[in-house]
Amino acid sequence: MRTFIAIELPSEIKNSLSHLQEQLRNAGADVKWVEPNNIHLTLKFLGEIDDKKIEKITKIIFDIAREKNKFQMHISSLGAFPKIDFPRVIWVGVDTGDKETKGIADELEEKIAKIGIPKEDRPFSSHITIGRTRSSLNREKLVQDLKNKAELGGEKLEFYVTKITLFKSTLTPHGPIYEVLKETNLKAT
């Protein structure tokens, strides 16, 4: 099964990001927007994994989570990969909580590599994907809107990260369907 490990976002944060998507949609650019219910922060994409490895991965997640305190996350900026002038992936970034998120992701990366799942080629970057461009249609207008909203209008998008979630992802013609396989709580402070 196709799987990934992520931080799930509270519904009020997903609603705020959905509103942001609506504002950016006005640019008329050719963007595949992430379904609001599917918006999350990926810690580690695992790809196709067999049932035997799922048990090992679940144990790794548990071992890491029980050593980490819950923490506050603040979504503070809007940007794009590879860069804002040539957006392919549109994302919102994290400031408060970035260090903790990177720490968890790095530990997952190291421990999961030991069970035969390859490490990522790029260093981890705390971000939440909200859309992917499909062509350059109306790119200039999209870029301008991204730059105008880069600081998210000062909106406070904050929440406490209290758990790590292992998801199953089923690809369909209408987009992916995510199913929670296992949630593991972080330590209460």
Protein backbone atom coordinates (compact mmCIF):
# COMPACT_ATOMS: atom_id res chain seq x y z
CA MET A 1 0.00 0.00 0.00
CA ARG A 2 1.06 3.59 -0.69
CA THR A 3 1.77 5.40 2.59
CA PHE A 4 3.16 8.53 4.21
CA ILE A 5 3.70 9.96 7.70
CA ALA A 6 2.27 13.40 8.41
CA ILE A 7 1.02 16.00 10.84
CA GLU A 8 -2.71 16.31 10.38
CA LEU A 9 -4.10 19.83 10.59
CA PRO A 10 -7.13 20.91 12.65
CA SER A 11 -10.28 21.61 10.63
CA GLU A 12 -10.16 25.37 11.35
CA ILE A 13 -6.65 25.56 9.83
CA LYS A 14 -7.80 23.55 6.80
CA ASN A 15 -10.73 25.96 6.42
CA SER A 16 -8.39 28.98 6.52
CA LEU A 17 -6.11 27.38 3.91
CA SER A 18 -9.14 26.56 1.76
CA HIS A 19 -10.08 30.25 1.89
CA LEU A 20 -6.53 31.14 0.81
CA GLN A 21 -6.83 28.68 -2.11
CA GLU A 22 -10.07 30.41 -3.16
CA GLN A 23 -8.32 33.79 -3.19
CA LEU A 24 -5.46 32.39 -5.29
CA ARG A 25 -7.88 30.62 -7.61
CA ASN A 26 -8.98 34.07 -8.83
CA ALA A 27 -5.69 34.34 -10.75
CA GLY A 28 -7.13 31.88 -13.28
CA ALA A 29 -3.91 29.86 -13.29
CA ASP A 30 -3.84 26.17 -14.19
CA VAL A 31 -3.41 24.79 -10.67
CA LYS A 32 -4.50 21.47 -9.18
CA TRP A 33 -5.49 22.56 -5.68
CA VAL A 34 -5.18 20.08 -2.81
CA GLU A 35 -8.61 19.13 -1.50
CA PRO A 36 -9.03 20.98 1.82
CA ASN A 37 -9.68 17.71 3.71
CA ASN A 38 -6.39 16.33 2.37
CA ILE A 39 -4.17 19.26 3.41
CA HIS A 40 -1.42 18.09 5.81
CA LEU A 41 2.28 18.49 6.57
CA THR A 42 4.20 15.48 5.24
CA LEU A 43 7.01 14.30 7.50
CA LYS A 44 8.05 11.34 5.35
CA PHE A 45 6.68 9.90 2.10
CA LEU A 46 7.11 6.13 2.21
CA GLY A 47 5.66 5.02 -1.12
CA GLU A 48 4.52 1.43 -1.63
CA ILE A 49 5.04 -0.51 1.59
CA ASP A 50 4.18 -4.13 2.43
CA ASP A 51 2.31 -5.15 5.59
CA LYS A 52 5.47 -6.45 7.30
CA LYS A 53 7.12 -3.03 7.12
CA ILE A 54 3.97 -1.26 8.35
CA GLU A 55 4.43 -2.87 11.78
CA LYS A 56 8.08 -1.75 11.93
CA ILE A 57 7.16 1.78 10.80
CA THR A 58 4.39 1.98 13.40
CA LYS A 59 6.90 1.03 16.11
CA ILE A 60 9.39 3.65 14.88
CA ILE A 61 6.68 6.33 14.96
CA PHE A 62 5.66 5.26 18.48
CA ASP A 63 9.26 5.30 19.75
CA ILE A 64 9.86 8.79 18.36
CA ALA A 65 6.51 10.24 19.48
CA ARG A 66 6.84 9.10 23.09
CA GLU A 67 10.09 11.09 23.36
CA LYS A 68 8.74 14.31 21.82
CA ASN A 69 6.59 16.92 23.53
CA LYS A 70 3.53 18.37 21.84
CA PHE A 71 4.42 21.74 20.33
CA GLN A 72 2.90 24.85 18.86
CA MET A 73 2.95 25.40 15.10
CA HIS A 74 2.48 28.76 13.39
CA ILE A 75 1.85 28.86 9.65
CA SER A 76 3.29 32.20 8.62
CA SER A 77 4.12 32.50 4.93
CA LEU A 78 3.16 31.60 1.40
CA GLY A 79 5.68 30.48 -1.19
CA ALA A 80 6.45 28.10 -4.05
CA PHE A 81 9.01 25.55 -5.18
CA PRO A 82 11.35 25.82 -6.98
CA LYS A 83 10.88 29.57 -6.44
CA ILE A 84 8.02 32.04 -6.25
CA ASP A 85 8.64 33.43 -9.77
CA PHE A 86 8.34 29.92 -11.27
CA PRO A 87 5.81 28.14 -9.06
CA ARG A 88 5.34 24.39 -9.47
CA VAL A 89 4.37 23.56 -5.89
CA ILE A 90 2.46 26.22 -3.93
CA TRP A 91 2.91 25.94 -0.17
CA VAL A 92 2.47 27.62 3.18
CA GLY A 93 5.45 27.66 5.51
CA VAL A 94 5.99 27.23 9.21
CA ASP A 95 8.01 29.42 11.57
CA THR A 96 7.12 28.44 15.16
CA GLY A 97 7.34 24.64 15.22
CA ASP A 98 9.80 24.40 12.34
CA LYS A 99 12.66 23.16 14.53
CA GLU A 100 10.47 20.49 16.17
CA THR A 101 9.02 19.37 12.84
CA LYS A 102 12.48 19.08 11.28
CA GLY A 103 13.70 17.13 14.31
CA ILE A 104 10.89 14.59 14.00
CA ALA A 105 11.29 14.32 10.21
CA ASP A 106 15.07 13.85 10.46
CA GLU A 107 14.66 11.13 13.11
CA LEU A 108 12.02 9.36 11.01
CA GLU A 109 14.32 9.57 7.99
CA GLU A 110 17.26 7.99 9.86
CA LYS A 111 15.31 5.20 11.57
CA ILE A 112 13.18 4.29 8.55
CA ALA A 113 16.30 4.07 6.34
CA LYS A 114 17.49 1.27 8.64
CA ILE A 115 14.53 -0.90 7.58
CA GLY A 116 15.28 -0.46 3.88
CA ILE A 117 13.26 2.59 2.84
CA PRO A 118 15.52 5.02 0.97
CA LYS A 119 16.28 8.47 2.32
CA GLU A 120 15.02 11.54 0.49
CA ASP A 121 17.41 13.24 -1.95
CA ARG A 122 16.59 16.72 -0.61
CA PRO A 123 16.80 17.99 2.94
CA PHE A 124 13.45 18.23 4.76
CA SER A 125 11.60 21.55 4.55
CA SER A 126 8.62 22.23 6.84
CA HIS A 127 5.84 23.16 4.43
CA ILE A 128 2.23 22.36 3.63
CA THR A 129 1.43 21.91 -0.05
CA ILE A 130 -1.81 23.59 -1.10
CA GLY A 131 -1.51 23.33 -4.90
CA ARG A 132 0.55 22.25 -7.91
CA THR A 133 0.69 24.12 -11.22
CA ARG A 134 -0.09 22.11 -14.35
CA SER A 135 0.96 24.68 -16.96
CA SER A 136 2.13 28.28 -17.28
CA LEU A 137 -1.40 29.59 -17.96
CA ASN A 138 -1.81 32.96 -16.14
CA ARG A 139 1.43 32.34 -14.24
CA GLU A 140 2.26 36.05 -14.02
CA LYS A 141 -1.03 36.81 -12.25
CA LEU A 142 -0.55 33.84 -9.90
CA VAL A 143 3.01 34.97 -9.07
CA GLN A 144 1.75 38.48 -8.31
CA ASP A 145 -1.00 37.10 -6.04
CA LEU A 146 1.52 34.83 -4.27
CA LYS A 147 3.85 37.78 -3.65
CA ASN A 148 0.98 39.97 -2.42
CA LYS A 149 -0.12 37.32 0.05
CA ALA A 150 3.38 36.14 1.03
CA GLU A 151 2.84 37.10 4.68
CA LEU A 152 -0.73 35.70 4.70
CA GLY A 153 -2.11 39.13 5.53
CA GLY A 154 -0.96 38.80 9.12
CA GLU A 155 -3.55 36.06 9.71
CA LYS A 156 -2.78 33.93 12.79
CA LEU A 157 -2.75 30.29 11.80
CA GLU A 158 -1.63 28.55 14.98
CA PHE A 159 -2.34 25.19 16.58
CA TYR A 160 -0.77 22.55 18.80
CA VAL A 161 0.76 19.48 17.18
CA THR A 162 -0.23 16.61 19.45
CA LYS A 163 0.19 13.54 17.26
CA ILE A 164 1.91 11.95 14.27
CA THR A 165 -0.25 10.08 11.76
CA LEU A 166 0.52 7.22 9.37
CA PHE A 167 -1.71 7.50 6.29
CA LYS A 168 -2.63 5.17 3.46
CA SER A 169 -3.05 6.97 0.13
CA THR A 170 -5.23 5.47 -2.60
CA LEU A 171 -4.89 7.20 -5.96
CA THR A 172 -8.11 7.64 -7.94
CA PRO A 173 -8.99 9.56 -11.13
CA HIS A 174 -10.62 12.19 -8.88
CA GLY A 175 -7.57 12.61 -6.65
CA PRO A 176 -6.07 10.75 -3.71
CA ILE A 177 -8.11 9.33 -0.84
CA TYR A 178 -6.30 9.38 2.50
CA GLU A 179 -7.08 6.92 5.27
CA VAL A 180 -5.61 7.03 8.78
CA LEU A 181 -3.78 3.79 9.55
CA LYS A 182 -2.35 4.80 12.92
CA GLU A 183 -2.22 7.92 15.09
CA THR A 184 0.43 8.23 17.76
CA ASN A 185 0.26 10.92 20.43
CA LEU A 186 3.22 13.09 21.34
CA LYS A 187 4.09 13.51 25.01
CA ALA A 188 1.96 15.98 26.91
CA THR A 189 4.14 18.72 28.39
